[in-house]
N, C-alpha and C. Protein backbone atom coordinates (compact mmCIF):
# COMPACT_ATOMS: atom_id res chain seq x y z
N MET A 1 -44.46 -157.99 185.53
CA MET A 1 -43.82 -158.73 185.51
C MET A 1 -43.14 -159.62 184.96
N ALA A 2 -41.69 -159.22 184.95
CA ALA A 2 -40.49 -159.94 184.04
C ALA A 2 -41.02 -161.27 183.70
N VAL A 3 -40.18 -162.13 182.32
CA VAL A 3 -40.69 -163.07 182.24
C VAL A 3 -39.25 -163.46 181.84
N SER A 4 -38.24 -162.22 182.00
CA SER A 4 -36.91 -163.06 180.94
C SER A 4 -36.50 -164.51 182.04
N ASP A 5 -35.64 -165.38 181.06
CA ASP A 5 -35.13 -166.25 181.60
C ASP A 5 -35.86 -167.60 182.27
N LYS A 6 -37.55 -167.13 182.01
CA LYS A 6 -38.33 -167.98 182.76
C LYS A 6 -38.84 -169.05 181.81
N HIS A 7 -39.34 -169.75 181.90
CA HIS A 7 -39.84 -171.59 181.52
C HIS A 7 -41.02 -171.45 181.77
N VAL A 8 -42.20 -171.14 180.74
CA VAL A 8 -43.84 -170.73 180.41
C VAL A 8 -44.45 -171.66 178.89
N ALA A 9 -45.30 -172.70 180.27
CA ALA A 9 -46.22 -173.43 179.24
C ALA A 9 -47.52 -173.02 178.59
N ILE A 10 -47.97 -172.84 178.01
CA ILE A 10 -49.72 -172.82 177.28
C ILE A 10 -49.92 -173.77 177.00
N LEU A 11 -51.02 -173.69 177.51
CA LEU A 11 -51.81 -175.57 177.44
C LEU A 11 -52.83 -175.30 176.82
N ALA A 12 -53.01 -176.02 175.77
CA ALA A 12 -54.47 -175.96 175.03
C ALA A 12 -55.44 -176.75 174.77
N ASP A 13 -56.54 -176.67 174.25
CA ASP A 13 -56.81 -178.01 174.03
C ASP A 13 -57.95 -178.52 172.90
N ASP A 14 -58.86 -179.20 172.28
CA ASP A 14 -59.07 -179.25 171.24
C ASP A 14 -59.41 -178.16 170.63
N ASP A 15 -60.53 -177.01 170.80
CA ASP A 15 -61.09 -176.09 170.54
C ASP A 15 -59.65 -175.10 170.51
N TYR A 16 -59.11 -174.30 169.34
CA TYR A 16 -57.85 -173.52 169.35
C TYR A 16 -58.00 -174.09 167.59
N GLN A 17 -57.17 -172.33 167.49
CA GLN A 17 -57.09 -171.91 166.39
C GLN A 17 -54.92 -171.89 166.41
N GLU A 18 -54.42 -172.00 165.40
CA GLU A 18 -53.69 -172.06 165.86
C GLU A 18 -52.38 -171.07 165.78
N LEU A 19 -53.37 -169.58 165.57
CA LEU A 19 -52.41 -168.14 165.75
C LEU A 19 -53.35 -168.28 166.90
N GLU A 20 -53.95 -168.70 168.38
CA GLU A 20 -54.28 -167.92 168.90
C GLU A 20 -53.21 -168.72 170.27
N LEU A 21 -51.98 -169.12 169.93
CA LEU A 21 -51.35 -169.64 170.83
C LEU A 21 -49.83 -168.71 170.29
N HIS A 22 -50.27 -168.83 168.52
CA HIS A 22 -48.01 -168.15 168.01
C HIS A 22 -47.90 -166.95 168.32
N TYR A 23 -48.78 -165.87 168.17
CA TYR A 23 -48.83 -164.73 168.01
C TYR A 23 -47.90 -164.44 170.51
N PRO A 24 -49.35 -164.80 171.13
CA PRO A 24 -48.68 -165.23 172.42
C PRO A 24 -47.21 -165.26 172.75
N ARG A 25 -47.48 -166.90 172.07
CA ARG A 25 -46.08 -167.36 172.86
C ARG A 25 -44.49 -166.59 171.76
N LEU A 26 -44.44 -166.31 170.34
CA LEU A 26 -43.63 -165.07 170.10
C LEU A 26 -43.62 -163.85 171.03
N ARG A 27 -44.46 -163.44 171.76
CA ARG A 27 -44.66 -162.10 172.10
C ARG A 27 -43.77 -162.84 173.42
N LEU A 28 -43.89 -164.14 174.28
CA LEU A 28 -43.34 -165.08 175.25
C LEU A 28 -41.41 -164.35 175.43
N ILE A 29 -40.94 -165.45 173.81
CA ILE A 29 -39.84 -165.18 173.13
C ILE A 29 -39.65 -163.88 173.47
N GLU A 30 -39.23 -163.09 172.90
CA GLU A 30 -39.64 -161.83 172.27
C GLU A 30 -39.02 -161.38 173.99
N ALA A 31 -39.66 -161.50 174.76
CA ALA A 31 -39.35 -161.31 175.99
C ALA A 31 -38.46 -161.53 176.73
N GLY A 32 -37.91 -163.14 175.92
CA GLY A 32 -36.53 -163.65 177.46
C GLY A 32 -36.81 -165.15 178.26
N ALA A 33 -38.82 -164.98 177.77
CA ALA A 33 -38.76 -166.80 178.39
C ALA A 33 -38.89 -167.51 177.21
N ARG A 34 -38.44 -168.48 178.26
CA ARG A 34 -38.22 -169.91 176.88
C ARG A 34 -39.96 -170.60 176.91
N ALA A 35 -40.93 -170.11 175.73
CA ALA A 35 -42.18 -170.93 175.38
C ALA A 35 -42.46 -172.03 174.48
N VAL A 36 -43.25 -172.96 175.28
CA VAL A 36 -43.77 -174.10 174.52
C VAL A 36 -44.94 -173.66 174.45
N ALA A 37 -46.19 -174.56 173.12
CA ALA A 37 -47.10 -174.46 173.89
C ALA A 37 -47.73 -175.97 173.46
N LEU A 38 -48.76 -176.70 174.22
CA LEU A 38 -48.66 -177.95 174.54
C LEU A 38 -50.47 -178.06 174.16
N ARG A 39 -50.47 -179.29 173.91
CA ARG A 39 -52.00 -179.43 173.22
C ARG A 39 -52.12 -181.21 173.82
N ARG A 40 -53.17 -181.03 174.25
CA ARG A 40 -53.77 -182.74 174.66
C ARG A 40 -53.91 -183.46 173.19
N LEU A 41 -53.37 -184.83 172.73
CA LEU A 41 -53.62 -185.64 171.78
C LEU A 41 -55.04 -186.07 171.41
N PRO A 42 -55.17 -186.19 170.76
CA PRO A 42 -56.49 -186.65 170.19
C PRO A 42 -56.82 -187.92 170.93
N SER A 43 -58.08 -188.62 171.27
CA SER A 43 -58.30 -189.82 171.79
C SER A 43 -57.84 -190.51 171.02
N GLY A 44 -57.42 -192.05 170.74
CA GLY A 44 -56.89 -192.73 169.96
C GLY A 44 -55.16 -192.43 169.45
N CYS A 45 -54.64 -191.49 170.02
CA CYS A 45 -53.25 -191.70 170.34
C CYS A 45 -52.28 -191.53 171.10
N GLY A 46 -51.24 -191.70 171.44
CA GLY A 46 -50.39 -191.49 172.54
C GLY A 46 -49.50 -193.05 172.85
N SER A 47 -49.75 -193.29 173.98
CA SER A 47 -49.95 -194.61 174.26
C SER A 47 -50.03 -196.40 174.31
N GLY A 48 -51.21 -195.55 174.08
CA GLY A 48 -51.88 -196.98 173.34
C GLY A 48 -52.66 -197.56 175.09
N ARG A 49 -52.77 -197.28 176.40
CA ARG A 49 -52.90 -198.23 177.66
C ARG A 49 -54.52 -198.06 177.53
C-alpha cells in the first residue's frame, strides 16, 4: 500500500520508549507520508477539567 501524500498518526500510551516511535515515523516520512506521533498526557496535565 502506498503511503505517499497520506496523513498518519502514531498513537502511544504511557509505557513506550522514544525509539519505538521514532524509527517507524522516519520510515513513513521517507515514504512520503506526513506522520506525527501522539501520546496521552500524564494525569494532572491538560485542560484542568
